[in-house]
């Protein structure tokens, strides 16, 4: 039986091509899985949505590219900035927007996949609501936000493997929206702070190779735990998902230091361009 995988992302017009490159990389590295994409598009035109059709036309396992309309009202007072727009918060609504799904993989636009995701998709979350990767800044945000929990480990929200049924049963969306209303002044890291606050002690630690962030790639910090630093080195040697986190993006060539793995993105971008030319021809 062919494995089905459902993947979601949020996007606005500024990140259309990076997201297309990301989705192409997933399709390229997972040829044996039927893949369904669910995209929350912020004010995307019909032509912008149509630009994704090259993926379904060039990859037979791309079964669906669905565009969802966000409800921005609950997040109008949420903390945002020039780099983190309101669209980042829309991931909080995915379990309600896709009520038929029991499992979902959420990914940020500034990622590329460079290996199979089957093992990740089949991960046993051991009763936790989500699976995620520790943030490579190794920050102490939970204590700073005065969150009472057993484990102070703080995860990066760029990749979330979601048990949709558990999320809905525990009403995580409502808890997150309430936290935004009551503690908006605490949200230094935006939606990531919200998710960590409401899911403290309720998330499963995924191998960092599934969200190899820029700080980890550059070895900007050493993990204080020797075993987890070993996992970080494994992620550097064999990343499954590269996360171009921070301000250095591989599609920005001026005013930013080059990313060590810029060429990986560029290779997939060149493949996207090739398929687009074939489609036009």
C-alpha atoms as a PDB file:
ATOM      1  CA  UNK A   1       0.000   0.000   0.000  1.00  0.00           C
ATOM      2  CA  UNK A   2       1.349   3.416  -0.986  1.00  0.00           C
ATOM      3  CA  UNK A   3       2.040   5.676   1.974  1.00  0.00           C
ATOM      4  CA  UNK A   4       0.163   9.003   1.986  1.00  0.00           C
ATOM      5  CA  UNK A   5       1.796  12.090   3.455  1.00  0.00           C
ATOM      6  CA  UNK A   6       0.047  15.396   4.131  1.00  0.00           C
ATOM      7  CA  UNK A   7       2.225  18.511   4.299  1.00  0.00           C
ATOM      8  CA  UNK A   8       1.189  22.076   5.124  1.00  0.00           C
ATOM      9  CA  UNK A   9       2.825  25.481   4.835  1.00  0.00           C
ATOM     10  CA  UNK A  10       1.892  29.137   5.104  1.00  0.00           C
ATOM     11  CA  UNK A  11       3.030  31.641   2.502  1.00  0.00           C
ATOM     12  CA  UNK A  12       2.646  35.161   1.178  1.00  0.00           C
ATOM     13  CA  UNK A  13       3.734  36.606  -2.156  1.00  0.00           C
ATOM     14  CA  UNK A  14       7.284  37.274  -0.948  1.00  0.00           C
ATOM     15  CA  UNK A  15       8.021  33.581  -0.391  1.00  0.00           C
ATOM     16  CA  UNK A  16       6.318  31.950  -3.374  1.00  0.00           C
ATOM     17  CA  UNK A  17       9.451  30.704  -5.110  1.00  0.00           C
ATOM     18  CA  UNK A  18      11.194  29.476  -1.943  1.00  0.00           C
ATOM     19  CA  UNK A  19       8.091  27.467  -1.071  1.00  0.00           C
ATOM     20  CA  UNK A  20       7.897  26.031  -4.588  1.00  0.00           C
ATOM     21  CA  UNK A  21      11.556  25.006  -4.330  1.00  0.00           C
ATOM     22  CA  UNK A  22      10.839  23.441  -0.929  1.00  0.00           C
ATOM     23  CA  UNK A  23       7.873  21.419  -2.218  1.00  0.00           C
ATOM     24  CA  UNK A  24       9.814  20.305  -5.285  1.00  0.00           C
ATOM     25  CA  UNK A  25      12.656  19.057  -3.087  1.00  0.00           C
ATOM     26  CA  UNK A  26      10.183  16.996  -1.059  1.00  0.00           C
ATOM     27  CA  UNK A  27       8.704  15.443  -4.191  1.00  0.00           C
ATOM     28  CA  UNK A  28      12.149  14.771  -5.651  1.00  0.00           C
ATOM     29  CA  UNK A  29      13.276  12.853  -2.561  1.00  0.00           C
ATOM     30  CA  UNK A  30      10.054  10.954  -1.831  1.00  0.00           C
ATOM     31  CA  UNK A  31       9.032   9.321  -5.118  1.00  0.00           C
ATOM     32  CA  UNK A  32       7.276   6.338  -3.506  1.00  0.00           C
ATOM     33  CA  UNK A  33       4.810   8.350  -1.391  1.00  0.00           C
ATOM     34  CA  UNK A  34       1.548   9.998  -2.420  1.00  0.00           C
ATOM     35  CA  UNK A  35       1.931  13.587  -1.228  1.00  0.00           C
ATOM     36  CA  UNK A  36      -0.823  16.110  -0.529  1.00  0.00           C
ATOM     37  CA  UNK A  37       0.063  19.769   0.015  1.00  0.00           C
ATOM     38  CA  UNK A  38      -2.140  22.167   1.990  1.00  0.00           C
ATOM     39  CA  UNK A  39      -1.065  25.787   1.655  1.00  0.00           C
ATOM     40  CA  UNK A  40      -2.422  28.706   3.646  1.00  0.00           C
ATOM     41  CA  UNK A  41      -1.939  31.549   1.203  1.00  0.00           C
ATOM     42  CA  UNK A  42      -2.115  35.122   2.404  1.00  0.00           C
ATOM     43  CA  UNK A  43      -3.789  37.192  -0.333  1.00  0.00           C
ATOM     44  CA  UNK A  44      -2.432  35.098  -3.196  1.00  0.00           C
ATOM     45  CA  UNK A  45      -3.743  35.884  -6.669  1.00  0.00           C
ATOM     46  CA  UNK A  46      -5.105  33.197  -8.983  1.00  0.00           C
ATOM     47  CA  UNK A  47      -1.956  33.395 -11.106  1.00  0.00           C
ATOM     48  CA  UNK A  48       0.237  32.973  -8.026  1.00  0.00           C
ATOM     49  CA  UNK A  49      -1.705  29.888  -7.031  1.00  0.00           C
ATOM     50  CA  UNK A  50      -1.538  28.579 -10.588  1.00  0.00           C
ATOM     51  CA  UNK A  51       2.258  28.851 -10.546  1.00  0.00           C
ATOM     52  CA  UNK A  52       2.332  25.761  -8.305  1.00  0.00           C
ATOM     53  CA  UNK A  53       0.749  23.601 -11.007  1.00  0.00           C
ATOM     54  CA  UNK A  54       4.173  22.802 -12.433  1.00  0.00           C
ATOM     55  CA  UNK A  55       4.709  20.528  -9.419  1.00  0.00           C
ATOM     56  CA  UNK A  56       1.609  18.393  -9.940  1.00  0.00           C
ATOM     57  CA  UNK A  57       2.272  18.224 -13.689  1.00  0.00           C
ATOM     58  CA  UNK A  58       5.895  17.099 -13.312  1.00  0.00           C
ATOM     59  CA  UNK A  59       5.565  14.758 -10.316  1.00  0.00           C
ATOM     60  CA  UNK A  60       2.978  11.999 -10.525  1.00  0.00           C
ATOM     61  CA  UNK A  61       3.015  11.420  -6.752  1.00  0.00           C
ATOM     62  CA  UNK A  62       1.874  15.007  -6.131  1.00  0.00           C
ATOM     63  CA  UNK A  63      -1.781  14.200  -5.558  1.00  0.00           C
ATOM     64  CA  UNK A  64      -3.102  17.586  -4.492  1.00  0.00           C
ATOM     65  CA  UNK A  65      -2.116  21.203  -3.927  1.00  0.00           C
ATOM     66  CA  UNK A  66      -4.881  22.770  -1.877  1.00  0.00           C
ATOM     67  CA  UNK A  67      -5.034  26.461  -0.998  1.00  0.00           C
ATOM     68  CA  UNK A  68      -6.671  27.458   2.270  1.00  0.00           C
ATOM     69  CA  UNK A  69      -7.911  30.902   3.274  1.00  0.00           C
ATOM     70  CA  UNK A  70      -6.716  32.161   6.663  1.00  0.00           C
ATOM     71  CA  UNK A  71      -8.688  33.917   9.354  1.00  0.00           C
ATOM     72  CA  UNK A  72      -6.426  36.727  10.521  1.00  0.00           C
ATOM     73  CA  UNK A  73      -8.725  38.128  13.223  1.00  0.00           C
ATOM     74  CA  UNK A  74      -7.368  36.098  16.194  1.00  0.00           C
ATOM     75  CA  UNK A  75      -3.818  37.257  15.399  1.00  0.00           C
ATOM     76  CA  UNK A  76      -4.276  40.944  14.674  1.00  0.00           C
ATOM     77  CA  UNK A  77      -2.723  41.893  18.022  1.00  0.00           C
ATOM     78  CA  UNK A  78       0.029  39.269  17.865  1.00  0.00           C
ATOM     79  CA  UNK A  79       3.652  40.355  17.798  1.00  0.00           C
ATOM     80  CA  UNK A  80       5.100  40.533  14.255  1.00  0.00           C
ATOM     81  CA  UNK A  81       8.022  42.211  12.498  1.00  0.00           C
ATOM     82  CA  UNK A  82       9.453  42.652   9.004  1.00  0.00           C
ATOM     83  CA  UNK A  83      10.822  39.098   9.003  1.00  0.00           C
ATOM     84  CA  UNK A  84       8.004  37.276  10.832  1.00  0.00           C
ATOM     85  CA  UNK A  85       4.631  38.283   9.337  1.00  0.00           C
ATOM     86  CA  UNK A  86       1.186  37.492  10.677  1.00  0.00           C
ATOM     87  CA  UNK A  87       1.063  34.492   8.322  1.00  0.00           C
ATOM     88  CA  UNK A  88       3.416  32.671  10.691  1.00  0.00           C
ATOM     89  CA  UNK A  89       0.585  32.349  13.207  1.00  0.00           C
ATOM     90  CA  UNK A  90      -1.803  30.691  10.775  1.00  0.00           C
ATOM     91  CA  UNK A  91      -0.231  27.286  11.408  1.00  0.00           C
ATOM     92  CA  UNK A  92      -2.095  27.336  14.722  1.00  0.00           C
ATOM     93  CA  UNK A  93      -5.386  26.906  12.818  1.00  0.00           C
ATOM     94  CA  UNK A  94      -4.397  23.922  10.660  1.00  0.00           C
ATOM     95  CA  UNK A  95      -6.071  21.192  12.782  1.00  0.00           C
ATOM     96  CA  UNK A  96      -9.388  23.050  12.495  1.00  0.00           C
ATOM     97  CA  UNK A  97      -8.903  23.876   8.814  1.00  0.00           C
ATOM     98  CA  UNK A  98      -8.181  20.220   7.977  1.00  0.00           C
ATOM     99  CA  UNK A  99     -10.577  18.293  10.255  1.00  0.00           C
ATOM    100  CA  UNK A 100     -10.373  15.117   8.172  1.00  0.00           C
ATOM    101  CA  UNK A 101      -6.642  14.594   8.834  1.00  0.00           C
ATOM    102  CA  UNK A 102      -5.184  12.701  11.790  1.00  0.00           C
ATOM    103  CA  UNK A 103      -1.503  13.510  11.046  1.00  0.00           C
ATOM    104  CA  UNK A 104       0.138  16.500   9.365  1.00  0.00           C
ATOM    105  CA  UNK A 105       3.674  17.686   8.724  1.00  0.00           C
ATOM    106  CA  UNK A 106       4.040  21.461   8.868  1.00  0.00           C
ATOM    107  CA  UNK A 107       7.103  23.054   7.227  1.00  0.00           C
ATOM    108  CA  UNK A 108       8.399  26.605   6.873  1.00  0.00           C
ATOM    109  CA  UNK A 109       8.961  28.103   3.425  1.00  0.00           C
ATOM    110  CA  UNK A 110      12.702  28.556   3.930  1.00  0.00           C
ATOM    111  CA  UNK A 111      13.484  24.841   3.962  1.00  0.00           C
ATOM    112  CA  UNK A 112      14.627  22.228   1.460  1.00  0.00           C
ATOM    113  CA  UNK A 113      14.358  18.474   1.774  1.00  0.00           C
ATOM    114  CA  UNK A 114      17.430  16.446   0.840  1.00  0.00           C
ATOM    115  CA  UNK A 115      16.445  12.926   1.901  1.00  0.00           C
ATOM    116  CA  UNK A 116      13.448  10.639   2.376  1.00  0.00           C
ATOM    117  CA  UNK A 117      10.852  11.725   4.941  1.00  0.00           C
ATOM    118  CA  UNK A 118       9.224   8.315   5.361  1.00  0.00           C
ATOM    119  CA  UNK A 119      10.885   7.568   8.704  1.00  0.00           C
ATOM    120  CA  UNK A 120       9.964  11.027  10.004  1.00  0.00           C
ATOM    121  CA  UNK A 121       6.362  10.636   8.844  1.00  0.00           C
ATOM    122  CA  UNK A 122       6.045   7.272  10.608  1.00  0.00           C
ATOM    123  CA  UNK A 123       7.544   8.508  13.891  1.00  0.00           C
ATOM    124  CA  UNK A 124       5.732   7.334  17.013  1.00  0.00           C
ATOM    125  CA  UNK A 125       5.103  10.511  19.000  1.00  0.00           C
ATOM    126  CA  UNK A 126       4.568   8.481  22.178  1.00  0.00           C
ATOM    127  CA  UNK A 127       1.438  10.313  23.207  1.00  0.00           C
ATOM    128  CA  UNK A 128       2.751  13.823  22.591  1.00  0.00           C
ATOM    129  CA  UNK A 129       0.787  16.346  20.519  1.00  0.00           C
ATOM    130  CA  UNK A 130       3.661  17.228  18.185  1.00  0.00           C
ATOM    131  CA  UNK A 131       7.144  16.204  17.218  1.00  0.00           C
ATOM    132  CA  UNK A 132       9.699  18.983  16.770  1.00  0.00           C
ATOM    133  CA  UNK A 133      13.423  19.729  16.751  1.00  0.00           C
ATOM    134  CA  UNK A 134      15.184  21.693  19.470  1.00  0.00           C
ATOM    135  CA  UNK A 135      15.938  25.284  18.545  1.00  0.00           C
ATOM    136  CA  UNK A 136      19.632  25.561  17.689  1.00  0.00           C
ATOM    137  CA  UNK A 137      19.987  28.726  19.749  1.00  0.00           C
ATOM    138  CA  UNK A 138      19.509  26.609  22.899  1.00  0.00           C
ATOM    139  CA  UNK A 139      17.654  29.525  24.474  1.00  0.00           C
ATOM    140  CA  UNK A 140      15.966  29.561  27.880  1.00  0.00           C
ATOM    141  CA  UNK A 141      12.707  31.064  26.698  1.00  0.00           C
ATOM    142  CA  UNK A 142      10.410  28.900  28.821  1.00  0.00           C
ATOM    143  CA  UNK A 143      11.913  30.151  32.067  1.00  0.00           C
ATOM    144  CA  UNK A 144      11.995  33.689  30.673  1.00  0.00           C
ATOM    145  CA  UNK A 145       8.258  33.426  29.916  1.00  0.00           C
ATOM    146  CA  UNK A 146       7.724  31.968  33.407  1.00  0.00           C
ATOM    147  CA  UNK A 147       6.297  28.713  32.050  1.00  0.00           C
ATOM    148  CA  UNK A 148       6.150  25.978  34.671  1.00  0.00           C
ATOM    149  CA  UNK A 149       7.378  22.695  33.148  1.00  0.00           C
ATOM    150  CA  UNK A 150       9.658  19.728  33.809  1.00  0.00           C
ATOM    151  CA  UNK A 151      11.746  20.059  30.629  1.00  0.00           C
ATOM    152  CA  UNK A 152      13.060  23.509  29.679  1.00  0.00           C
ATOM    153  CA  UNK A 153      14.061  22.400  26.155  1.00  0.00           C
ATOM    154  CA  UNK A 154      12.743  24.898  23.590  1.00  0.00           C
ATOM    155  CA  UNK A 155      11.793  23.732  20.086  1.00  0.00           C
ATOM    156  CA  UNK A 156      11.963  25.422  16.700  1.00  0.00           C
ATOM    157  CA  UNK A 157       8.517  25.796  15.106  1.00  0.00           C
ATOM    158  CA  UNK A 158       9.784  25.558  11.524  1.00  0.00           C
ATOM    159  CA  UNK A 159       8.920  21.866  11.382  1.00  0.00           C
ATOM    160  CA  UNK A 160       6.047  20.310  13.301  1.00  0.00           C
ATOM    161  CA  UNK A 161       4.833  16.728  13.017  1.00  0.00           C
ATOM    162  CA  UNK A 162       1.307  17.097  14.373  1.00  0.00           C
ATOM    163  CA  UNK A 163      -1.045  14.553  15.907  1.00  0.00           C
ATOM    164  CA  UNK A 164      -4.120  16.377  14.682  1.00  0.00           C
ATOM    165  CA  UNK A 165      -6.570  14.375  16.796  1.00  0.00           C
ATOM    166  CA  UNK A 166      -4.639  15.045  20.007  1.00  0.00           C
ATOM    167  CA  UNK A 167      -4.307  18.738  19.093  1.00  0.00           C
ATOM    168  CA  UNK A 168      -8.066  19.062  18.618  1.00  0.00           C
ATOM    169  CA  UNK A 169      -8.923  17.005  21.706  1.00  0.00           C
ATOM    170  CA  UNK A 170      -6.682  19.203  23.861  1.00  0.00           C
ATOM    171  CA  UNK A 171      -7.925  22.410  22.188  1.00  0.00           C
ATOM    172  CA  UNK A 172      -4.405  23.659  21.510  1.00  0.00           C
ATOM    173  CA  UNK A 173      -5.542  26.342  19.053  1.00  0.00           C
ATOM    174  CA  UNK A 174      -7.810  27.991  21.639  1.00  0.00           C
ATOM    175  CA  UNK A 175      -5.077  27.783  24.293  1.00  0.00           C
ATOM    176  CA  UNK A 176      -2.582  29.387  21.912  1.00  0.00           C
ATOM    177  CA  UNK A 177      -4.945  32.204  20.965  1.00  0.00           C
ATOM    178  CA  UNK A 178      -5.691  32.876  24.633  1.00  0.00           C
ATOM    179  CA  UNK A 179      -1.975  32.999  25.409  1.00  0.00           C
ATOM    180  CA  UNK A 180      -1.512  35.569  22.621  1.00  0.00           C
ATOM    181  CA  UNK A 181      -4.293  37.720  24.063  1.00  0.00           C
ATOM    182  CA  UNK A 182      -3.035  37.534  27.640  1.00  0.00           C
ATOM    183  CA  UNK A 183       0.741  37.528  27.129  1.00  0.00           C
ATOM    184  CA  UNK A 184       1.363  39.222  23.796  1.00  0.00           C
ATOM    185  CA  UNK A 185       4.133  41.300  25.354  1.00  0.00           C
ATOM    186  CA  UNK A 186       6.149  38.129  26.049  1.00  0.00           C
ATOM    187  CA  UNK A 187       6.274  36.899  22.443  1.00  0.00           C
ATOM    188  CA  UNK A 188       9.851  37.725  21.530  1.00  0.00           C
ATOM    189  CA  UNK A 189       9.937  34.827  19.042  1.00  0.00           C
ATOM    190  CA  UNK A 190       6.351  35.153  17.879  1.00  0.00           C
ATOM    191  CA  UNK A 191       4.410  31.954  17.092  1.00  0.00           C
ATOM    192  CA  UNK A 192       7.357  29.865  18.273  1.00  0.00           C
ATOM    193  CA  UNK A 193       7.050  31.283  21.780  1.00  0.00           C
ATOM    194  CA  UNK A 194       3.300  30.630  21.770  1.00  0.00           C
ATOM    195  CA  UNK A 195       3.679  27.008  20.713  1.00  0.00           C
ATOM    196  CA  UNK A 196       6.416  26.336  23.255  1.00  0.00           C
ATOM    197  CA  UNK A 197       4.342  27.908  26.005  1.00  0.00           C
ATOM    198  CA  UNK A 198       1.192  25.867  25.372  1.00  0.00           C
ATOM    199  CA  UNK A 199       2.994  22.620  24.451  1.00  0.00           C
ATOM    200  CA  UNK A 200       5.633  22.587  27.192  1.00  0.00           C
ATOM    201  CA  UNK A 201       6.265  18.952  28.245  1.00  0.00           C
ATOM    202  CA  UNK A 202       3.878  17.876  25.480  1.00  0.00           C
ATOM    203  CA  UNK A 203       6.191  17.514  22.478  1.00  0.00           C
ATOM    204  CA  UNK A 204       8.422  14.733  21.187  1.00  0.00           C
ATOM    205  CA  UNK A 205      12.130  15.383  20.543  1.00  0.00           C
ATOM    206  CA  UNK A 206      12.944  14.732  16.856  1.00  0.00           C
ATOM    207  CA  UNK A 207      16.452  14.223  15.503  1.00  0.00           C
ATOM    208  CA  UNK A 208      17.929  17.605  14.451  1.00  0.00           C
ATOM    209  CA  UNK A 209      18.580  16.279  10.929  1.00  0.00           C
ATOM    210  CA  UNK A 210      14.889  16.970  10.265  1.00  0.00           C
ATOM    211  CA  UNK A 211      15.344  20.685  10.930  1.00  0.00           C
ATOM    212  CA  UNK A 212      19.029  21.494  10.427  1.00  0.00           C
ATOM    213  CA  UNK A 213      19.003  25.184  11.278  1.00  0.00           C
ATOM    214  CA  UNK A 214      21.583  27.757  10.218  1.00  0.00           C
ATOM    215  CA  UNK A 215      23.074  28.191  13.693  1.00  0.00           C
ATOM    216  CA  UNK A 216      23.646  24.446  13.901  1.00  0.00           C
ATOM    217  CA  UNK A 217      25.138  24.255  10.398  1.00  0.00           C
ATOM    218  CA  UNK A 218      27.610  27.051  11.219  1.00  0.00           C
ATOM    219  CA  UNK A 219      28.488  25.540  14.602  1.00  0.00           C
ATOM    220  CA  UNK A 220      27.709  28.856  16.264  1.00  0.00           C
ATOM    221  CA  UNK A 221      27.051  27.076  19.546  1.00  0.00           C
ATOM    222  CA  UNK A 222      27.922  23.774  21.156  1.00  0.00           C
ATOM    223  CA  UNK A 223      25.088  21.928  22.833  1.00  0.00           C
ATOM    224  CA  UNK A 224      25.710  21.719  26.588  1.00  0.00           C
ATOM    225  CA  UNK A 225      24.601  18.078  26.499  1.00  0.00           C
ATOM    226  CA  UNK A 226      27.245  15.817  24.892  1.00  0.00           C
ATOM    227  CA  UNK A 227      24.727  13.330  23.480  1.00  0.00           C
ATOM    228  CA  UNK A 228      22.659  16.047  21.854  1.00  0.00           C
ATOM    229  CA  UNK A 229      25.806  17.626  20.428  1.00  0.00           C
ATOM    230  CA  UNK A 230      26.509  14.208  18.873  1.00  0.00           C
ATOM    231  CA  UNK A 231      23.056  14.325  17.276  1.00  0.00           C
ATOM    232  CA  UNK A 232      23.807  17.846  16.030  1.00  0.00           C
ATOM    233  CA  UNK A 233      26.966  16.586  14.335  1.00  0.00           C
ATOM    234  CA  UNK A 234      24.970  13.770  12.715  1.00  0.00           C
ATOM    235  CA  UNK A 235      22.578  16.406  11.393  1.00  0.00           C
ATOM    236  CA  UNK A 236      25.478  18.369   9.893  1.00  0.00           C
ATOM    237  CA  UNK A 237      26.783  15.245   8.182  1.00  0.00           C
ATOM    238  CA  UNK A 238      23.451  14.000   6.848  1.00  0.00           C
ATOM    239  CA  UNK A 239      20.628  16.543   6.980  1.00  0.00           C
ATOM    240  CA  UNK A 240      17.197  15.453   5.817  1.00  0.00           C
ATOM    241  CA  UNK A 241      15.690  18.963   5.932  1.00  0.00           C
ATOM    242  CA  UNK A 242      17.829  22.089   5.756  1.00  0.00           C
ATOM    243  CA  UNK A 243      16.299  25.134   7.400  1.00  0.00           C
ATOM    244  CA  UNK A 244      17.685  28.441   6.147  1.00  0.00           C
ATOM    245  CA  UNK A 245      16.688  30.100   9.388  1.00  0.00           C
ATOM    246  CA  UNK A 246      17.706  33.615  10.302  1.00  0.00           C
ATOM    247  CA  UNK A 247      18.375  36.457   7.900  1.00  0.00           C
ATOM    248  CA  UNK A 248      20.800  34.671   5.569  1.00  0.00           C
ATOM    249  CA  UNK A 249      18.691  33.169   2.771  1.00  0.00           C
ATOM    250  CA  UNK A 250      20.155  31.382  -0.273  1.00  0.00           C
ATOM    251  CA  UNK A 251      17.974  33.393  -2.667  1.00  0.00           C
ATOM    252  CA  UNK A 252      19.356  36.682  -1.292  1.00  0.00           C
ATOM    253  CA  UNK A 253      22.785  37.305  -2.801  1.00  0.00           C
ATOM    254  CA  UNK A 254      23.463  40.849  -1.599  1.00  0.00           C
ATOM    255  CA  UNK A 255      23.975  42.216   1.895  1.00  0.00           C
ATOM    256  CA  UNK A 256      24.111  38.841   3.642  1.00  0.00           C
ATOM    257  CA  UNK A 257      26.845  36.329   4.300  1.00  0.00           C
ATOM    258  CA  UNK A 258      26.563  33.226   2.098  1.00  0.00           C
ATOM    259  CA  UNK A 259      24.892  30.227   3.671  1.00  0.00           C
ATOM    260  CA  UNK A 260      27.184  27.154   3.847  1.00  0.00           C
ATOM    261  CA  UNK A 261      24.519  25.082   2.088  1.00  0.00           C
ATOM    262  CA  UNK A 262      23.358  27.708  -0.396  1.00  0.00           C
ATOM    263  CA  UNK A 263      24.228  25.381  -3.290  1.00  0.00           C
ATOM    264  CA  UNK A 264      21.659  22.810  -2.127  1.00  0.00           C
ATOM    265  CA  UNK A 265      18.866  25.340  -2.498  1.00  0.00           C
ATOM    266  CA  UNK A 266      20.260  26.579  -5.803  1.00  0.00           C
ATOM    267  CA  UNK A 267      20.321  23.061  -7.243  1.00  0.00           C
ATOM    268  CA  UNK A 268      16.641  22.540  -6.477  1.00  0.00           C
ATOM    269  CA  UNK A 269      15.845  26.044  -7.734  1.00  0.00           C
ATOM    270  CA  UNK A 270      17.562  25.178 -11.027  1.00  0.00           C
ATOM    271  CA  UNK A 271      15.463  22.003 -11.259  1.00  0.00           C
ATOM    272  CA  UNK A 272      12.297  24.029 -10.676  1.00  0.00           C
ATOM    273  CA  UNK A 273      13.357  26.412 -13.458  1.00  0.00           C
ATOM    274  CA  UNK A 274      13.983  23.439 -15.771  1.00  0.00           C
ATOM    275  CA  UNK A 275      10.516  21.985 -15.142  1.00  0.00           C
ATOM    276  CA  UNK A 276       8.917  25.416 -15.561  1.00  0.00           C
ATOM    277  CA  UNK A 277      10.597  25.830 -18.946  1.00  0.00           C
ATOM    278  CA  UNK A 278       9.406  22.390 -20.028  1.00  0.00           C
ATOM    279  CA  UNK A 279       5.872  23.300 -19.009  1.00  0.00           C
ATOM    280  CA  UNK A 280       5.952  26.520 -21.020  1.00  0.00           C
ATOM    281  CA  UNK A 281       7.474  24.733 -24.011  1.00  0.00           C
END
